[in-house]
Amino acid sequence: MKISIGNDHAGPDYKIAIVNYLQSKGYEILNHGTDTFDSVDYPDFGHPVAIDVETGKADLGIVICGSGNGIAMTANKHQGIRCALCWTKEISALARQHNNANVVSIPARFTSIQQAVEIVDTFLTTDFEGGRHANRVNKIACS
């Protein structure tokens, strides 16, 4: 499975830990994130992840910023993206099961690195339930 990841200056250490974990599990990574704590603009890293997922270059995406909000809003500007802000693994599971989220947003300033890895692992290993949720998910996209 190919995963696209992007982060701003709030999350280089989170990205490194997540990438290392995912590579140890055999995932292929497309890295669009910064590696420094120097201030940058999160849209510059969120848009490439959304494009990767939207075009099928990546199966799923991970975005990281301080609150998780700004980069999630950026990703969600893309028609084919359902980016979920997740601060627990339980919310991450529900985002996949009920919303068929294809990008997860991690709030680096409100989770530990270990929690972030657990959120990502849950996100990547949880399937969409379909059924009654499919009709709702289909109503999300605007035509």
N, C-alpha and C. Protein backbone atom coordinates (compact mmCIF):
# COMPACT_ATOMS: atom_id res chain seq x y z
N MET A 1 0.85 -1.18 0.00
CA MET A 1 0.00 0.00 0.00
C MET A 1 0.89 1.23 0.00
N LYS A 2 0.49 2.24 -0.76
CA LYS A 2 1.25 3.49 -0.87
C LYS A 2 0.54 4.58 -0.08
N ILE A 3 1.30 5.25 0.80
CA ILE A 3 0.78 6.28 1.68
C ILE A 3 1.49 7.59 1.39
N SER A 4 0.71 8.67 1.24
CA SER A 4 1.27 10.00 1.07
C SER A 4 1.18 10.73 2.41
N ILE A 5 2.26 11.41 2.78
CA ILE A 5 2.30 12.11 4.07
C ILE A 5 2.84 13.51 3.87
N GLY A 6 2.25 14.45 4.61
CA GLY A 6 2.71 15.83 4.58
C GLY A 6 2.53 16.47 5.94
N ASN A 7 3.44 17.36 6.27
CA ASN A 7 3.40 18.03 7.57
C ASN A 7 4.02 19.40 7.49
N ASP A 8 3.59 20.27 8.41
CA ASP A 8 4.24 21.56 8.55
C ASP A 8 5.27 21.49 9.68
N HIS A 9 5.72 22.64 10.15
CA HIS A 9 6.76 22.74 11.16
C HIS A 9 6.36 22.20 12.53
N ALA A 10 5.09 21.94 12.76
CA ALA A 10 4.67 21.37 14.05
C ALA A 10 4.87 19.86 14.10
N GLY A 11 5.16 19.24 12.96
CA GLY A 11 5.17 17.79 12.96
C GLY A 11 6.33 17.02 12.35
N PRO A 12 7.53 17.60 12.19
CA PRO A 12 8.60 16.79 11.59
C PRO A 12 8.94 15.54 12.40
N ASP A 13 8.95 15.66 13.72
CA ASP A 13 9.27 14.50 14.55
C ASP A 13 8.15 13.46 14.50
N TYR A 14 6.92 13.91 14.36
CA TYR A 14 5.78 13.00 14.21
C TYR A 14 5.89 12.26 12.88
N LYS A 15 6.18 13.01 11.82
CA LYS A 15 6.30 12.41 10.50
C LYS A 15 7.41 11.35 10.49
N ILE A 16 8.55 11.67 11.06
CA ILE A 16 9.67 10.72 11.06
C ILE A 16 9.27 9.43 11.78
N ALA A 17 8.63 9.56 12.95
CA ALA A 17 8.21 8.37 13.70
C ALA A 17 7.18 7.57 12.92
N ILE A 18 6.22 8.24 12.30
CA ILE A 18 5.18 7.56 11.52
C ILE A 18 5.78 6.88 10.29
N VAL A 19 6.64 7.59 9.58
CA VAL A 19 7.28 7.01 8.38
C VAL A 19 8.10 5.79 8.76
N ASN A 20 8.89 5.89 9.81
CA ASN A 20 9.70 4.74 10.25
C ASN A 20 8.81 3.55 10.59
N TYR A 21 7.73 3.80 11.31
CA TYR A 21 6.81 2.73 11.68
C TYR A 21 6.20 2.10 10.42
N LEU A 22 5.71 2.94 9.52
CA LEU A 22 5.04 2.42 8.32
C LEU A 22 6.01 1.66 7.42
N GLN A 23 7.23 2.16 7.28
CA GLN A 23 8.21 1.44 6.47
C GLN A 23 8.55 0.09 7.09
N SER A 24 8.56 0.01 8.41
CA SER A 24 8.83 -1.27 9.07
C SER A 24 7.71 -2.28 8.82
N LYS A 25 6.52 -1.76 8.46
CA LYS A 25 5.36 -2.61 8.15
C LYS A 25 5.23 -2.87 6.65
N GLY A 26 6.15 -2.33 5.84
CA GLY A 26 6.15 -2.59 4.42
C GLY A 26 5.39 -1.60 3.55
N TYR A 27 4.93 -0.50 4.13
CA TYR A 27 4.23 0.53 3.36
C TYR A 27 5.23 1.33 2.53
N GLU A 28 4.82 1.75 1.34
CA GLU A 28 5.61 2.67 0.53
C GLU A 28 5.14 4.09 0.86
N ILE A 29 6.08 5.01 1.02
CA ILE A 29 5.76 6.36 1.48
C ILE A 29 6.11 7.40 0.42
N LEU A 30 5.18 8.32 0.19
CA LEU A 30 5.43 9.53 -0.59
C LEU A 30 5.50 10.67 0.41
N ASN A 31 6.65 11.29 0.57
CA ASN A 31 6.88 12.27 1.62
C ASN A 31 6.84 13.68 1.06
N HIS A 32 5.85 14.45 1.48
CA HIS A 32 5.72 15.84 1.08
C HIS A 32 5.96 16.80 2.25
N GLY A 33 6.37 16.28 3.38
CA GLY A 33 6.49 17.12 4.57
C GLY A 33 7.83 17.77 4.73
N THR A 34 7.84 18.80 5.58
CA THR A 34 9.10 19.46 5.92
C THR A 34 9.83 18.64 6.98
N ASP A 35 11.14 18.77 7.00
CA ASP A 35 11.96 18.06 7.98
C ASP A 35 12.52 18.99 9.05
N THR A 36 12.07 20.26 9.03
CA THR A 36 12.60 21.23 10.00
C THR A 36 11.45 21.84 10.80
N PHE A 37 11.83 22.52 11.86
CA PHE A 37 10.86 23.23 12.70
C PHE A 37 10.74 24.70 12.30
N ASP A 38 11.37 25.07 11.17
CA ASP A 38 11.24 26.44 10.65
C ASP A 38 9.83 26.65 10.15
N SER A 39 9.25 27.79 10.44
CA SER A 39 7.87 28.09 10.07
C SER A 39 7.64 27.96 8.57
N VAL A 40 6.60 27.22 8.21
CA VAL A 40 6.19 27.02 6.82
C VAL A 40 4.67 27.10 6.76
N ASP A 41 4.12 27.09 5.58
CA ASP A 41 2.67 27.17 5.39
C ASP A 41 2.09 25.78 5.13
N TYR A 42 1.19 25.31 5.99
CA TYR A 42 0.64 23.95 5.88
C TYR A 42 -0.02 23.65 4.54
N PRO A 43 -0.65 24.62 3.83
CA PRO A 43 -1.24 24.26 2.54
C PRO A 43 -0.20 23.73 1.53
N ASP A 44 1.04 24.20 1.67
CA ASP A 44 2.09 23.75 0.75
C ASP A 44 2.37 22.25 0.90
N PHE A 45 1.95 21.66 1.99
CA PHE A 45 2.18 20.24 2.25
C PHE A 45 0.89 19.43 2.23
N GLY A 46 -0.23 20.08 2.51
CA GLY A 46 -1.52 19.39 2.48
C GLY A 46 -2.04 19.15 1.08
N HIS A 47 -1.88 20.14 0.20
CA HIS A 47 -2.36 19.97 -1.18
C HIS A 47 -1.68 18.81 -1.90
N PRO A 48 -0.35 18.65 -1.84
CA PRO A 48 0.27 17.52 -2.54
C PRO A 48 -0.23 16.15 -2.05
N VAL A 49 -0.49 16.03 -0.75
CA VAL A 49 -1.02 14.76 -0.22
C VAL A 49 -2.41 14.52 -0.80
N ALA A 50 -3.25 15.53 -0.77
CA ALA A 50 -4.61 15.40 -1.30
C ALA A 50 -4.58 15.03 -2.78
N ILE A 51 -3.71 15.65 -3.53
CA ILE A 51 -3.59 15.34 -4.96
C ILE A 51 -3.14 13.90 -5.17
N ASP A 52 -2.19 13.44 -4.37
CA ASP A 52 -1.74 12.04 -4.48
C ASP A 52 -2.90 11.07 -4.28
N VAL A 53 -3.71 11.32 -3.27
CA VAL A 53 -4.83 10.42 -2.96
C VAL A 53 -5.92 10.57 -4.02
N GLU A 54 -6.22 11.79 -4.37
CA GLU A 54 -7.29 12.06 -5.33
C GLU A 54 -7.01 11.45 -6.71
N THR A 55 -5.75 11.46 -7.10
CA THR A 55 -5.37 10.94 -8.43
C THR A 55 -5.02 9.46 -8.42
N GLY A 56 -4.99 8.84 -7.24
CA GLY A 56 -4.66 7.43 -7.15
C GLY A 56 -3.18 7.14 -7.08
N LYS A 57 -2.36 8.17 -7.00
CA LYS A 57 -0.92 7.97 -6.83
C LYS A 57 -0.63 7.32 -5.47
N ALA A 58 -1.49 7.62 -4.49
CA ALA A 58 -1.40 7.02 -3.16
C ALA A 58 -2.76 6.44 -2.79
N ASP A 59 -2.75 5.41 -1.97
CA ASP A 59 -3.99 4.78 -1.52
C ASP A 59 -4.68 5.61 -0.44
N LEU A 60 -3.89 6.11 0.50
CA LEU A 60 -4.41 6.91 1.61
C LEU A 60 -3.40 7.99 1.95
N GLY A 61 -3.84 8.98 2.74
CA GLY A 61 -2.95 10.07 3.10
C GLY A 61 -2.96 10.37 4.58
N ILE A 62 -1.86 11.00 5.01
CA ILE A 62 -1.68 11.44 6.40
C ILE A 62 -1.20 12.88 6.33
N VAL A 63 -1.86 13.77 7.08
CA VAL A 63 -1.41 15.16 7.16
C VAL A 63 -1.28 15.55 8.63
N ILE A 64 -0.31 16.41 8.90
CA ILE A 64 0.01 16.77 10.29
C ILE A 64 0.27 18.27 10.37
N CYS A 65 -0.41 18.93 11.31
CA CYS A 65 -0.06 20.31 11.67
C CYS A 65 -0.35 20.47 13.15
N GLY A 66 -0.18 21.66 13.67
CA GLY A 66 -0.32 21.86 15.12
C GLY A 66 -1.66 21.45 15.67
N SER A 67 -2.73 21.99 15.12
CA SER A 67 -4.08 21.64 15.58
C SER A 67 -4.71 20.55 14.75
N GLY A 68 -4.16 20.29 13.58
CA GLY A 68 -4.76 19.35 12.64
C GLY A 68 -5.85 19.98 11.80
N ASN A 69 -6.34 21.14 12.21
CA ASN A 69 -7.46 21.77 11.52
C ASN A 69 -7.08 22.38 10.19
N GLY A 70 -6.07 23.23 10.16
CA GLY A 70 -5.73 23.94 8.94
C GLY A 70 -5.38 23.02 7.80
N ILE A 71 -4.58 22.00 8.09
CA ILE A 71 -4.16 21.08 7.03
C ILE A 71 -5.32 20.18 6.61
N ALA A 72 -6.24 19.88 7.54
CA ALA A 72 -7.44 19.11 7.18
C ALA A 72 -8.34 19.94 6.27
N MET A 73 -8.51 21.21 6.60
CA MET A 73 -9.31 22.09 5.75
C MET A 73 -8.72 22.19 4.35
N THR A 74 -7.40 22.25 4.28
CA THR A 74 -6.72 22.30 2.99
C THR A 74 -7.01 21.04 2.19
N ALA A 75 -6.81 19.89 2.79
CA ALA A 75 -7.04 18.62 2.09
C ALA A 75 -8.49 18.50 1.64
N ASN A 76 -9.41 18.93 2.47
CA ASN A 76 -10.83 18.80 2.16
C ASN A 76 -11.32 19.75 1.08
N LYS A 77 -10.48 20.66 0.61
CA LYS A 77 -10.83 21.50 -0.53
C LYS A 77 -10.85 20.68 -1.82
N HIS A 78 -10.25 19.51 -1.80
CA HIS A 78 -10.19 18.63 -2.97
C HIS A 78 -11.43 17.75 -3.01
N GLN A 79 -12.08 17.73 -4.14
CA GLN A 79 -13.37 17.05 -4.30
C GLN A 79 -13.35 15.58 -3.87
N GLY A 80 -12.27 14.87 -4.17
CA GLY A 80 -12.23 13.45 -3.88
C GLY A 80 -11.69 13.09 -2.51
N ILE A 81 -11.53 14.07 -1.65
CA ILE A 81 -10.92 13.83 -0.34
C ILE A 81 -11.95 13.91 0.78
N ARG A 82 -11.82 12.97 1.70
CA ARG A 82 -12.57 12.99 2.95
C ARG A 82 -11.52 12.89 4.07
N CYS A 83 -11.07 14.04 4.52
CA CYS A 83 -10.01 14.10 5.53
C CYS A 83 -10.64 14.26 6.90
N ALA A 84 -10.25 13.38 7.81
CA ALA A 84 -10.80 13.38 9.16
C ALA A 84 -9.73 13.78 10.18
N LEU A 85 -10.07 14.76 11.00
CA LEU A 85 -9.22 15.17 12.11
C LEU A 85 -9.40 14.16 13.24
N CYS A 86 -8.33 13.48 13.61
CA CYS A 86 -8.43 12.39 14.61
C CYS A 86 -7.41 12.60 15.71
N TRP A 87 -7.88 12.60 16.95
CA TRP A 87 -6.99 12.74 18.09
C TRP A 87 -7.01 11.51 18.99
N THR A 88 -7.79 10.49 18.63
CA THR A 88 -7.72 9.19 19.30
C THR A 88 -7.83 8.10 18.24
N LYS A 89 -7.38 6.91 18.59
CA LYS A 89 -7.49 5.80 17.63
C LYS A 89 -8.94 5.38 17.43
N GLU A 90 -9.78 5.61 18.44
CA GLU A 90 -11.19 5.28 18.29
C GLU A 90 -11.87 6.17 17.25
N ILE A 91 -11.54 7.46 17.27
CA ILE A 91 -12.09 8.37 16.26
C ILE A 91 -11.55 8.01 14.89
N SER A 92 -10.30 7.61 14.84
CA SER A 92 -9.69 7.18 13.58
C SER A 92 -10.42 5.97 13.00
N ALA A 93 -10.75 5.02 13.84
CA ALA A 93 -11.48 3.83 13.38
C ALA A 93 -12.85 4.22 12.83
N LEU A 94 -13.55 5.09 13.54
CA LEU A 94 -14.87 5.52 13.08
C LEU A 94 -14.80 6.32 11.79
N ALA A 95 -13.74 7.10 11.62
CA ALA A 95 -13.57 7.87 10.39
C ALA A 95 -13.48 6.95 9.18
N ARG A 96 -12.84 5.82 9.36
CA ARG A 96 -12.74 4.84 8.27
C ARG A 96 -14.03 4.04 8.14
N GLN A 97 -14.54 3.51 9.26
CA GLN A 97 -15.71 2.63 9.23
C GLN A 97 -16.96 3.34 8.73
N HIS A 98 -17.20 4.55 9.21
CA HIS A 98 -18.46 5.23 8.93
C HIS A 98 -18.37 6.30 7.84
N ASN A 99 -17.18 6.89 7.66
CA ASN A 99 -17.04 8.01 6.74
C ASN A 99 -16.16 7.70 5.54
N ASN A 100 -15.57 6.52 5.51
CA ASN A 100 -14.65 6.14 4.44
C ASN A 100 -13.61 7.23 4.20
N ALA A 101 -13.10 7.79 5.29
CA ALA A 101 -12.06 8.82 5.19
C ALA A 101 -10.87 8.26 4.44
N ASN A 102 -10.27 9.09 3.59
CA ASN A 102 -9.09 8.64 2.85
C ASN A 102 -7.84 9.43 3.21
N VAL A 103 -7.98 10.40 4.08
CA VAL A 103 -6.84 11.13 4.65
C VAL A 103 -7.12 11.33 6.13
N VAL A 104 -6.11 11.11 6.95
CA VAL A 104 -6.22 11.36 8.39
C VAL A 104 -5.37 12.57 8.74
N SER A 105 -5.92 13.45 9.57
CA SER A 105 -5.21 14.63 10.03
C SER A 105 -4.86 14.46 11.50
N ILE A 106 -3.59 14.65 11.81
CA ILE A 106 -3.08 14.47 13.17
C ILE A 106 -2.79 15.85 13.78
N PRO A 107 -3.35 16.14 14.97
CA PRO A 107 -3.03 17.40 15.66
C PRO A 107 -1.79 17.23 16.54
N ALA A 108 -0.63 17.62 16.02
CA ALA A 108 0.64 17.35 16.71
C ALA A 108 0.73 17.99 18.09
N ARG A 109 0.09 19.12 18.27
CA ARG A 109 0.20 19.79 19.57
C ARG A 109 -0.77 19.24 20.61
N PHE A 110 -1.59 18.27 20.21
CA PHE A 110 -2.60 17.73 21.12
C PHE A 110 -2.55 16.21 21.24
N THR A 111 -1.54 15.58 20.63
CA THR A 111 -1.34 14.14 20.76
C THR A 111 0.15 13.89 20.99
N SER A 112 0.45 12.76 21.58
CA SER A 112 1.85 12.34 21.67
C SER A 112 2.24 11.63 20.38
N ILE A 113 3.51 11.47 20.17
CA ILE A 113 3.97 10.74 18.99
C ILE A 113 3.43 9.31 19.01
N GLN A 114 3.45 8.67 20.17
CA GLN A 114 2.93 7.30 20.27
C GLN A 114 1.45 7.26 19.93
N GLN A 115 0.67 8.22 20.41
CA GLN A 115 -0.75 8.27 20.05
C GLN A 115 -0.91 8.46 18.54
N ALA A 116 -0.09 9.31 17.96
CA ALA A 116 -0.18 9.55 16.52
C ALA A 116 0.09 8.28 15.72
N VAL A 117 1.07 7.53 16.12
CA VAL A 117 1.38 6.26 15.44
C VAL A 117 0.19 5.30 15.58
N GLU A 118 -0.42 5.23 16.76
CA GLU A 118 -1.59 4.37 16.97
C GLU A 118 -2.77 4.83 16.13
N ILE A 119 -2.99 6.14 16.02
CA ILE A 119 -4.06 6.68 15.21
C ILE A 119 -3.86 6.27 13.75
N VAL A 120 -2.64 6.44 13.26
CA VAL A 120 -2.33 6.10 11.87
C VAL A 120 -2.48 4.60 11.64
N ASP A 121 -1.95 3.79 12.55
CA ASP A 121 -2.07 2.34 12.39
C ASP A 121 -3.54 1.91 12.33
N THR A 122 -4.35 2.46 13.21
CA THR A 122 -5.79 2.15 13.21
C THR A 122 -6.43 2.60 11.91
N PHE A 123 -6.10 3.80 11.46
CA PHE A 123 -6.65 4.35 10.22
C PHE A 123 -6.34 3.44 9.04
N LEU A 124 -5.11 2.98 8.96
CA LEU A 124 -4.69 2.19 7.81
C LEU A 124 -5.17 0.74 7.84
N THR A 125 -5.55 0.26 8.99
CA THR A 125 -5.96 -1.14 9.11
C THR A 125 -7.46 -1.33 9.33
N THR A 126 -8.21 -0.24 9.26
CA THR A 126 -9.67 -0.30 9.44
C THR A 126 -10.34 -0.12 8.09
N ASP A 127 -11.32 -0.93 7.81
CA ASP A 127 -12.05 -0.86 6.55
C ASP A 127 -13.36 -0.10 6.70
N PHE A 128 -13.83 0.45 5.59
CA PHE A 128 -15.14 1.08 5.51
C PHE A 128 -16.21 0.01 5.63
N GLU A 129 -17.21 0.24 6.46
CA GLU A 129 -18.28 -0.74 6.67
C GLU A 129 -19.29 -0.75 5.54
N GLY A 130 -19.41 0.34 4.81
CA GLY A 130 -20.41 0.40 3.74
C GLY A 130 -21.81 0.37 4.34
N GLY A 131 -22.71 -0.37 3.72
CA GLY A 131 -24.08 -0.49 4.23
C GLY A 131 -24.75 0.86 4.36
N ARG A 132 -25.35 1.10 5.52
CA ARG A 132 -26.10 2.35 5.73
C ARG A 132 -25.21 3.58 5.62
N HIS A 133 -23.90 3.41 5.79
CA HIS A 133 -22.97 4.53 5.74
C HIS A 133 -22.66 4.95 4.29
N ALA A 134 -22.79 4.04 3.36
CA ALA A 134 -22.44 4.34 1.96
C ALA A 134 -23.28 5.47 1.39
N ASN A 135 -24.58 5.45 1.63
CA ASN A 135 -25.44 6.51 1.11
C ASN A 135 -25.05 7.86 1.69
N ARG A 136 -24.72 7.89 2.97
CA ARG A 136 -24.32 9.14 3.62
C ARG A 136 -23.01 9.66 3.03
N VAL A 137 -22.07 8.77 2.86
CA VAL A 137 -20.77 9.17 2.29
C VAL A 137 -20.96 9.69 0.88
N ASN A 138 -21.82 9.05 0.11
CA ASN A 138 -22.07 9.51 -1.26
C ASN A 138 -22.67 10.90 -1.31
N LYS A 139 -23.33 11.32 -0.25
CA LYS A 139 -23.92 12.67 -0.19
C LYS A 139 -22.93 13.76 0.19
N ILE A 140 -21.72 13.38 0.59
CA ILE A 140 -20.72 14.36 0.99
C ILE A 140 -20.24 15.18 -0.21
N ALA A 141 -19.93 14.52 -1.30
CA ALA A 141 -19.36 15.22 -2.46
C ALA A 141 -20.40 16.11 -3.11
N CYS A 142 -19.96 17.28 -3.52
CA CYS A 142 -20.82 18.21 -4.28
C CYS A 142 -20.59 17.95 -5.76
N SER A 143 -21.64 18.12 -6.54
CA SER A 143 -21.45 17.91 -7.98
C SER A 143 -21.31 19.22 -8.71
